[in-house]
Amino acid sequence: MNTGFRRREMVLACGEVRGYDAAAWHDAIVWVQGGEVELGAIDGSWQRFGVGAVLCLADLPLRVLRSPGPEPVTLVAISRDRTDSFSS
């Protein structure tokens, strides 16, 4: 059954840093399901988000995503399925 949406999960291990890829987050709403995630901006600033935070990571001036805590961070991204009848 095609619901019109796609679910992806990303897990960052404790201390893991992953480069920001704007295309990976296009058209997605992101939920922090477990742990905490830090977003490192191009200007050197950092923002931390914990369990339950809902984010839009598309087209932001970010460099990296980091798992700073004692447990892995799990991000769940929900986006439109590009094959649905509403996608252009």
PDB file of N, CA and C in Angstrom:
ATOM      1  N   MET A   1       0.841  -1.182   0.000  1.00  0.00           N
ATOM      2  CA  MET A   1       0.000   0.000   0.000  1.00  0.00           C
ATOM      3  C   MET A   1       0.881   1.238   0.000  1.00  0.00           C
ATOM      4  N   ASN A   2       0.655   2.152  -0.908  1.00  0.00           N
ATOM      5  CA  ASN A   2       1.396   3.406  -0.983  1.00  0.00           C
ATOM      6  C   ASN A   2       0.657   4.460  -0.173  1.00  0.00           C
ATOM      7  N   THR A   3       1.273   4.906   0.914  1.00  0.00           N
ATOM      8  CA  THR A   3       0.656   5.921   1.771  1.00  0.00           C
ATOM      9  C   THR A   3       0.955   7.329   1.293  1.00  0.00           C
ATOM     10  N   GLY A   4       1.871   7.478   0.356  1.00  0.00           N
ATOM     11  CA  GLY A   4       2.272   8.792  -0.116  1.00  0.00           C
ATOM     12  C   GLY A   4       3.429   9.377   0.673  1.00  0.00           C
ATOM     13  N   PHE A   5       3.908   8.618   1.688  1.00  0.00           N
ATOM     14  CA  PHE A   5       5.010   9.092   2.517  1.00  0.00           C
ATOM     15  C   PHE A   5       6.096   8.039   2.615  1.00  0.00           C
ATOM     16  N   ARG A   6       7.295   8.513   2.930  1.00  0.00           N
ATOM     17  CA  ARG A   6       8.451   7.632   3.076  1.00  0.00           C
ATOM     18  C   ARG A   6       9.076   7.887   4.447  1.00  0.00           C
ATOM     19  N   ARG A   7       9.431   6.831   5.156  1.00  0.00           N
ATOM     20  CA  ARG A   7      10.046   6.925   6.478  1.00  0.00           C
ATOM     21  C   ARG A   7      11.484   6.441   6.388  1.00  0.00           C
ATOM     22  N   ARG A   8      12.401   7.260   6.891  1.00  0.00           N
ATOM     23  CA  ARG A   8      13.812   6.868   6.951  1.00  0.00           C
ATOM     24  C   ARG A   8      14.298   7.072   8.380  1.00  0.00           C
ATOM     25  N   GLU A   9      15.232   6.251   8.792  1.00  0.00           N
ATOM     26  CA  GLU A   9      15.803   6.362  10.128  1.00  0.00           C
ATOM     27  C   GLU A   9      17.312   6.492  10.022  1.00  0.00           C
ATOM     28  N   MET A  10      17.881   7.430  10.792  1.00  0.00           N
ATOM     29  CA  MET A  10      19.325   7.616  10.837  1.00  0.00           C
ATOM     30  C   MET A  10      19.763   7.503  12.295  1.00  0.00           C
ATOM     31  N   VAL A  11      20.760   6.679  12.543  1.00  0.00           N
ATOM     32  CA  VAL A  11      21.304   6.531  13.891  1.00  0.00           C
ATOM     33  C   VAL A  11      22.750   7.007  13.873  1.00  0.00           C
ATOM     34  N   LEU A  12      23.064   7.915  14.798  1.00  0.00           N
ATOM     35  CA  LEU A  12      24.436   8.373  14.983  1.00  0.00           C
ATOM     36  C   LEU A  12      24.933   7.811  16.308  1.00  0.00           C
ATOM     37  N   ALA A  13      26.042   7.091  16.283  1.00  0.00           N
ATOM     38  CA  ALA A  13      26.622   6.516  17.495  1.00  0.00           C
ATOM     39  C   ALA A  13      27.117   7.626  18.424  1.00  0.00           C
ATOM     40  N   CYS A  14      27.341   7.295  19.668  1.00  0.00           N
ATOM     41  CA  CYS A  14      27.849   8.272  20.638  1.00  0.00           C
ATOM     42  C   CYS A  14      29.129   8.920  20.098  1.00  0.00           C
ATOM     43  N   GLY A  15      29.125  10.236  20.059  1.00  0.00           N
ATOM     44  CA  GLY A  15      30.297  10.969  19.586  1.00  0.00           C
ATOM     45  C   GLY A  15      30.440  11.051  18.078  1.00  0.00           C
ATOM     46  N   GLU A  16      29.587  10.380  17.332  1.00  0.00           N
ATOM     47  CA  GLU A  16      29.696  10.393  15.876  1.00  0.00           C
ATOM     48  C   GLU A  16      29.342  11.767  15.302  1.00  0.00           C
ATOM     49  N   VAL A  17      30.104  12.176  14.311  1.00  0.00           N
ATOM     50  CA  VAL A  17      29.868  13.428  13.587  1.00  0.00           C
ATOM     51  C   VAL A  17      29.645  13.058  12.129  1.00  0.00           C
ATOM     52  N   ARG A  18      28.587  13.593  11.556  1.00  0.00           N
ATOM     53  CA  ARG A  18      28.273  13.313  10.153  1.00  0.00           C
ATOM     54  C   ARG A  18      28.093  14.637   9.422  1.00  0.00           C
ATOM     55  N   GLY A  19      28.690  14.748   8.249  1.00  0.00           N
ATOM     56  CA  GLY A  19      28.555  15.953   7.438  1.00  0.00           C
ATOM     57  C   GLY A  19      27.108  16.202   7.036  1.00  0.00           C
ATOM     58  N   TYR A  20      26.746  17.460   6.952  1.00  0.00           N
ATOM     59  CA  TYR A  20      25.390  17.848   6.564  1.00  0.00           C
ATOM     60  C   TYR A  20      25.246  17.786   5.050  1.00  0.00           C
ATOM     61  N   ASP A  21      24.208  17.112   4.602  1.00  0.00           N
ATOM     62  CA  ASP A  21      23.888  16.999   3.182  1.00  0.00           C
ATOM     63  C   ASP A  21      22.466  17.513   3.003  1.00  0.00           C
ATOM     64  N   ALA A  22      22.318  18.726   2.497  1.00  0.00           N
ATOM     65  CA  ALA A  22      21.001  19.355   2.369  1.00  0.00           C
ATOM     66  C   ALA A  22      20.031  18.494   1.568  1.00  0.00           C
ATOM     67  N   ALA A  23      20.507  17.834   0.544  1.00  0.00           N
ATOM     68  CA  ALA A  23      19.633  17.015  -0.305  1.00  0.00           C
ATOM     69  C   ALA A  23      19.011  15.857   0.480  1.00  0.00           C
ATOM     70  N   ALA A  24      19.708  15.344   1.475  1.00  0.00           N
ATOM     71  CA  ALA A  24      19.203  14.222   2.257  1.00  0.00           C
ATOM     72  C   ALA A  24      17.978  14.602   3.091  1.00  0.00           C
ATOM     73  N   TRP A  25      17.828  15.887   3.360  1.00  0.00           N
ATOM     74  CA  TRP A  25      16.738  16.351   4.223  1.00  0.00           C
ATOM     75  C   TRP A  25      15.655  17.092   3.452  1.00  0.00           C
ATOM     76  N   HIS A  26      15.773  17.173   2.143  1.00  0.00           N
ATOM     77  CA  HIS A  26      14.788  17.880   1.328  1.00  0.00           C
ATOM     78  C   HIS A  26      13.399  17.307   1.558  1.00  0.00           C
ATOM     79  N   ASP A  27      12.447  18.183   1.813  1.00  0.00           N
ATOM     80  CA  ASP A  27      11.031  17.808   1.916  1.00  0.00           C
ATOM     81  C   ASP A  27      10.737  16.875   3.085  1.00  0.00           C
ATOM     82  N   ALA A  28      11.567  16.915   4.142  1.00  0.00           N
ATOM     83  CA  ALA A  28      11.380  15.998   5.273  1.00  0.00           C
ATOM     84  C   ALA A  28      11.112  16.742   6.573  1.00  0.00           C
ATOM     85  N   ILE A  29      10.288  16.129   7.388  1.00  0.00           N
ATOM     86  CA  ILE A  29      10.118  16.539   8.774  1.00  0.00           C
ATOM     87  C   ILE A  29      10.872  15.504   9.588  1.00  0.00           C
ATOM     88  N   VAL A  30      11.705  15.981  10.522  1.00  0.00           N
ATOM     89  CA  VAL A  30      12.600  15.101  11.260  1.00  0.00           C
ATOM     90  C   VAL A  30      12.231  15.117  12.739  1.00  0.00           C
ATOM     91  N   TRP A  31      12.138  13.932  13.322  1.00  0.00           N
ATOM     92  CA  TRP A  31      11.795  13.770  14.727  1.00  0.00           C
ATOM     93  C   TRP A  31      12.986  13.135  15.437  1.00  0.00           C
ATOM     94  N   VAL A  32      13.377  13.725  16.573  1.00  0.00           N
ATOM     95  CA  VAL A  32      14.433  13.136  17.392  1.00  0.00           C
ATOM     96  C   VAL A  32      13.767  12.067  18.259  1.00  0.00           C
ATOM     97  N   GLN A  33      13.972  10.816  17.886  1.00  0.00           N
ATOM     98  CA  GLN A  33      13.311   9.706  18.567  1.00  0.00           C
ATOM     99  C   GLN A  33      14.073   9.244  19.806  1.00  0.00           C
ATOM    100  N   GLY A  34      15.386   9.401  19.791  1.00  0.00           N
ATOM    101  CA  GLY A  34      16.196   8.977  20.930  1.00  0.00           C
ATOM    102  C   GLY A  34      17.489   9.766  20.992  1.00  0.00           C
ATOM    103  N   GLY A  35      17.988   9.996  22.195  1.00  0.00           N
ATOM    104  CA  GLY A  35      19.243  10.718  22.377  1.00  0.00           C
ATOM    105  C   GLY A  35      19.102  12.211  22.138  1.00  0.00           C
ATOM    106  N   GLU A  36      20.238  12.837  21.881  1.00  0.00           N
ATOM    107  CA  GLU A  36      20.281  14.262  21.564  1.00  0.00           C
ATOM    108  C   GLU A  36      21.128  14.449  20.315  1.00  0.00           C
ATOM    109  N   VAL A  37      20.750  15.440  19.512  1.00  0.00           N
ATOM    110  CA  VAL A  37      21.526  15.767  18.323  1.00  0.00           C
ATOM    111  C   VAL A  37      21.979  17.220  18.430  1.00  0.00           C
ATOM    112  N   GLU A  38      23.211  17.472  18.035  1.00  0.00           N
ATOM    113  CA  GLU A  38      23.718  18.833  17.932  1.00  0.00           C
ATOM    114  C   GLU A  38      23.895  19.164  16.460  1.00  0.00           C
ATOM    115  N   LEU A  39      23.467  20.351  16.093  1.00  0.00           N
ATOM    116  CA  LEU A  39      23.618  20.840  14.728  1.00  0.00           C
ATOM    117  C   LEU A  39      24.701  21.907  14.727  1.00  0.00           C
ATOM    118  N   GLY A  40      25.750  21.669  13.953  1.00  0.00           N
ATOM    119  CA  GLY A  40      26.860  22.611  13.857  1.00  0.00           C
ATOM    120  C   GLY A  40      26.704  23.489  12.629  1.00  0.00           C
ATOM    121  N   ALA A  41      26.553  24.786  12.858  1.00  0.00           N
ATOM    122  CA  ALA A  41      26.344  25.731  11.763  1.00  0.00           C
ATOM    123  C   ALA A  41      27.663  26.157  11.130  1.00  0.00           C
ATOM    124  N   ILE A  42      27.553  26.679   9.933  1.00  0.00           N
ATOM    125  CA  ILE A  42      28.722  27.167   9.194  1.00  0.00           C
ATOM    126  C   ILE A  42      29.438  28.268   9.970  1.00  0.00           C
ATOM    127  N   ASP A  43      28.669  29.089  10.736  1.00  0.00           N
ATOM    128  CA  ASP A  43      29.271  30.200  11.492  1.00  0.00           C
ATOM    129  C   ASP A  43      29.935  29.743  12.793  1.00  0.00           C
ATOM    130  N   GLY A  44      29.927  28.429  13.064  1.00  0.00           N
ATOM    131  CA  GLY A  44      30.580  27.896  14.252  1.00  0.00           C
ATOM    132  C   GLY A  44      29.652  27.710  15.450  1.00  0.00           C
ATOM    133  N   SER A  45      28.430  28.153  15.360  1.00  0.00           N
ATOM    134  CA  SER A  45      27.491  27.993  16.472  1.00  0.00           C
ATOM    135  C   SER A  45      26.908  26.582  16.483  1.00  0.00           C
ATOM    136  N   TRP A  46      26.370  26.191  17.638  1.00  0.00           N
ATOM    137  CA  TRP A  46      25.778  24.863  17.829  1.00  0.00           C
ATOM    138  C   TRP A  46      24.408  24.998  18.463  1.00  0.00           C
ATOM    139  N   GLN A  47      23.504  24.124  18.063  1.00  0.00           N
ATOM    140  CA  GLN A  47      22.180  24.022  18.689  1.00  0.00           C
ATOM    141  C   GLN A  47      21.957  22.568  19.039  1.00  0.00           C
ATOM    142  N   ARG A  48      21.419  22.323  20.239  1.00  0.00           N
ATOM    143  CA  ARG A  48      21.176  20.944  20.700  1.00  0.00           C
ATOM    144  C   ARG A  48      19.677  20.709  20.823  1.00  0.00           C
ATOM    145  N   PHE A  49      19.241  19.528  20.355  1.00  0.00           N
ATOM    146  CA  PHE A  49      17.832  19.145  20.395  1.00  0.00           C
ATOM    147  C   PHE A  49      17.722  17.742  20.967  1.00  0.00           C
ATOM    148  N   GLY A  50      16.747  17.559  21.854  1.00  0.00           N
ATOM    149  CA  GLY A  50      16.559  16.271  22.512  1.00  0.00           C
ATOM    150  C   GLY A  50      15.339  15.525  22.024  1.00  0.00           C
ATOM    151  N   VAL A  51      15.075  14.420  22.707  1.00  0.00           N
ATOM    152  CA  VAL A  51      13.958  13.541  22.372  1.00  0.00           C
ATOM    153  C   VAL A  51      12.665  14.339  22.254  1.00  0.00           C
ATOM    154  N   GLY A  52      11.946  14.068  21.174  1.00  0.00           N
ATOM    155  CA  GLY A  52      10.660  14.719  20.934  1.00  0.00           C
ATOM    156  C   GLY A  52      10.737  15.958  20.066  1.00  0.00           C
ATOM    157  N   ALA A  53      11.932  16.483  19.853  1.00  0.00           N
ATOM    158  CA  ALA A  53      12.065  17.674  19.004  1.00  0.00           C
ATOM    159  C   ALA A  53      11.669  17.330  17.572  1.00  0.00           C
ATOM    160  N   VAL A  54      10.993  18.254  16.926  1.00  0.00           N
ATOM    161  CA  VAL A  54      10.598  18.100  15.522  1.00  0.00           C
ATOM    162  C   VAL A  54      11.323  19.191  14.747  1.00  0.00           C
ATOM    163  N   LEU A  55      12.074  18.790  13.729  1.00  0.00           N
ATOM    164  CA  LEU A  55      12.958  19.706  13.006  1.00  0.00           C
ATOM    165  C   LEU A  55      12.706  19.663  11.513  1.00  0.00           C
ATOM    166  N   CYS A  56      13.061  20.745  10.866  1.00  0.00           N
ATOM    167  CA  CYS A  56      13.142  20.801   9.414  1.00  0.00           C
ATOM    168  C   CYS A  56      14.603  21.117   9.105  1.00  0.00           C
ATOM    169  N   LEU A  57      15.326  20.185   8.529  1.00  0.00           N
ATOM    170  CA  LEU A  57      16.762  20.346   8.300  1.00  0.00           C
ATOM    171  C   LEU A  57      17.105  20.725   6.861  1.00  0.00           C
ATOM    172  N   ALA A  58      16.099  20.997   6.055  1.00  0.00           N
ATOM    173  CA  ALA A  58      16.339  21.325   4.649  1.00  0.00           C
ATOM    174  C   ALA A  58      16.878  22.741   4.495  1.00  0.00           C
ATOM    175  N   ASP A  59      17.866  22.877   3.630  1.00  0.00           N
ATOM    176  CA  ASP A  59      18.393  24.181   3.222  1.00  0.00           C
ATOM    177  C   ASP A  59      18.810  25.084   4.376  1.00  0.00           C
ATOM    178  N   LEU A  60      19.501  24.523   5.342  1.00  0.00           N
ATOM    179  CA  LEU A  60      20.017  25.303   6.471  1.00  0.00           C
ATOM    180  C   LEU A  60      21.519  25.499   6.314  1.00  0.00           C
ATOM    181  N   PRO A  61      22.069  26.564   6.903  1.00  0.00           N
ATOM    182  CA  PRO A  61      23.518  26.793   6.826  1.00  0.00           C
ATOM    183  C   PRO A  61      24.271  25.943   7.851  1.00  0.00           C
ATOM    184  N   LEU A  62      24.208  24.626   7.678  1.00  0.00           N
ATOM    185  CA  LEU A  62      24.834  23.698   8.613  1.00  0.00           C
ATOM    186  C   LEU A  62      26.077  23.062   8.009  1.00  0.00           C
ATOM    187  N   ARG A  63      26.984  22.617   8.895  1.00  0.00           N
ATOM    188  CA  ARG A  63      28.169  21.857   8.496  1.00  0.00           C
ATOM    189  C   ARG A  63      28.019  20.391   8.849  1.00  0.00           C
ATOM    190  N   VAL A  64      27.575  20.145  10.114  1.00  0.00           N
ATOM    191  CA  VAL A  64      27.568  18.778  10.625  1.00  0.00           C
ATOM    192  C   VAL A  64      26.397  18.529  11.570  1.00  0.00           C
ATOM    193  N   LEU A  65      26.114  17.231  11.766  1.00  0.00           N
ATOM    194  CA  LEU A  65      25.213  16.749  12.811  1.00  0.00           C
ATOM    195  C   LEU A  65      26.088  15.901  13.726  1.00  0.00           C
ATOM    196  N   ARG A  66      25.854  16.019  15.041  1.00  0.00           N
ATOM    197  CA  ARG A  66      26.710  15.309  15.997  1.00  0.00           C
ATOM    198  C   ARG A  66      25.855  14.696  17.104  1.00  0.00           C
ATOM    199  N   SER A  67      26.267  13.527  17.559  1.00  0.00           N
ATOM    200  CA  SER A  67      25.641  12.867  18.699  1.00  0.00           C
ATOM    201  C   SER A  67      26.541  13.102  19.915  1.00  0.00           C
ATOM    202  N   PRO A  68      26.209  14.089  20.760  1.00  0.00           N
ATOM    203  CA  PRO A  68      27.108  14.469  21.843  1.00  0.00           C
ATOM    204  C   PRO A  68      26.930  13.678  23.140  1.00  0.00           C
ATOM    205  N   GLY A  69      25.817  12.988  23.277  1.00  0.00           N
ATOM    206  CA  GLY A  69      25.470  12.394  24.554  1.00  0.00           C
ATOM    207  C   GLY A  69      26.029  11.009  24.786  1.00  0.00           C
ATOM    208  N   PRO A  70      25.635  10.435  25.920  1.00  0.00           N
ATOM    209  CA  PRO A  70      26.107   9.104  26.288  1.00  0.00           C
ATOM    210  C   PRO A  70      25.360   7.974  25.579  1.00  0.00           C
ATOM    211  N   GLU A  71      24.373   8.331  24.771  1.00  0.00           N
ATOM    212  CA  GLU A  71      23.641   7.324  24.005  1.00  0.00           C
ATOM    213  C   GLU A  71      23.529   7.762  22.551  1.00  0.00           C
ATOM    214  N   PRO A  72      23.315   6.837  21.642  1.00  0.00           N
ATOM    215  CA  PRO A  72      23.174   7.203  20.224  1.00  0.00           C
ATOM    216  C   PRO A  72      21.955   8.100  20.025  1.00  0.00           C
ATOM    217  N   VAL A  73      21.982   8.865  18.960  1.00  0.00           N
ATOM    218  CA  VAL A  73      20.807   9.660  18.586  1.00  0.00           C
ATOM    219  C   VAL A  73      20.121   8.958  17.417  1.00  0.00           C
ATOM    220  N   THR A  74      18.796   8.901  17.482  1.00  0.00           N
ATOM    221  CA  THR A  74      18.007   8.326  16.401  1.00  0.00           C
ATOM    222  C   THR A  74      17.118   9.417  15.831  1.00  0.00           C
ATOM    223  N   LEU A  75      17.273   9.669  14.544  1.00  0.00           N
ATOM    224  CA  LEU A  75      16.455  10.644  13.828  1.00  0.00           C
ATOM    225  C   LEU A  75      15.536   9.897  12.881  1.00  0.00           C
ATOM    226  N   VAL A  76      14.263  10.260  12.884  1.00  0.00           N
ATOM    227  CA  VAL A  76      13.293   9.673  11.972  1.00  0.00           C
ATOM    228  C   VAL A  76      12.826  10.776  11.035  1.00  0.00           C
ATOM    229  N   ALA A  77      12.998  10.564   9.743  1.00  0.00           N
ATOM    230  CA  ALA A  77      12.611  11.556   8.729  1.00  0.00           C
ATOM    231  C   ALA A  77      11.413  11.035   7.950  1.00  0.00           C
ATOM    232  N   ILE A  78      10.387  11.865   7.866  1.00  0.00           N
ATOM    233  CA  ILE A  78       9.193  11.549   7.087  1.00  0.00           C
ATOM    234  C   ILE A  78       9.136  12.549   5.934  1.00  0.00           C
ATOM    235  N   SER A  79       9.037  12.019   4.731  1.00  0.00           N
ATOM    236  CA  SER A  79       8.949  12.888   3.547  1.00  0.00           C
ATOM    237  C   SER A  79       7.923  12.310   2.583  1.00  0.00           C
ATOM    238  N   ARG A  80       7.540  13.132   1.627  1.00  0.00           N
ATOM    239  CA  ARG A  80       6.593  12.649   0.615  1.00  0.00           C
ATOM    240  C   ARG A  80       7.262  11.622  -0.277  1.00  0.00           C
ATOM    241  N   ASP A  81       6.503  10.636  -0.667  1.00  0.00           N
ATOM    242  CA  ASP A  81       6.973   9.662  -1.640  1.00  0.00           C
ATOM    243  C   ASP A  81       6.907  10.356  -3.003  1.00  0.00           C
ATOM    244  N   ARG A  82       8.009  10.470  -3.661  1.00  0.00           N
ATOM    245  CA  ARG A  82       8.067  11.229  -4.921  1.00  0.00           C
ATOM    246  C   ARG A  82       7.270  10.579  -6.041  1.00  0.00           C
ATOM    247  N   THR A  83       6.764   9.383  -5.810  1.00  0.00           N
ATOM    248  CA  THR A  83       5.964   8.725  -6.842  1.00  0.00           C
ATOM    249  C   THR A  83       4.463   8.935  -6.647  1.00  0.00           C
ATOM    250  N   ASP A  84       4.091   9.706  -5.605  1.00  0.00           N
ATOM    251  CA  ASP A  84       2.661   9.890  -5.378  1.00  0.00           C
ATOM    252  C   ASP A  84       2.084  10.875  -6.406  1.00  0.00           C
ATOM    253  N   SER A  85       0.784  10.976  -6.460  1.00  0.00           N
ATOM    254  CA  SER A  85       0.109  11.800  -7.454  1.00  0.00           C
ATOM    255  C   SER A  85       0.221  13.291  -7.179  1.00  0.00           C
ATOM    256  N   PHE A  86       0.714  13.684  -5.990  1.00  0.00           N
ATOM    257  CA  PHE A  86       0.824  15.106  -5.666  1.00  0.00           C
ATOM    258  C   PHE A  86       2.221  15.661  -5.924  1.00  0.00           C
ATOM    259  N   SER A  87       3.197  14.800  -6.137  1.00  0.00           N
ATOM    260  CA  SER A  87       4.573  15.261  -6.398  1.00  0.00           C
ATOM    261  C   SER A  87       4.685  15.756  -7.827  1.00  0.00           C
ATOM    262  N   SER A  88       5.426  16.844  -7.936  1.00  0.00           N
ATOM    263  CA  SER A  88       5.625  17.387  -9.287  1.00  0.00           C
ATOM    264  C   SER A  88       7.015  17.151  -9.784  1.00  0.00           C
TER     265      SER A  88
END
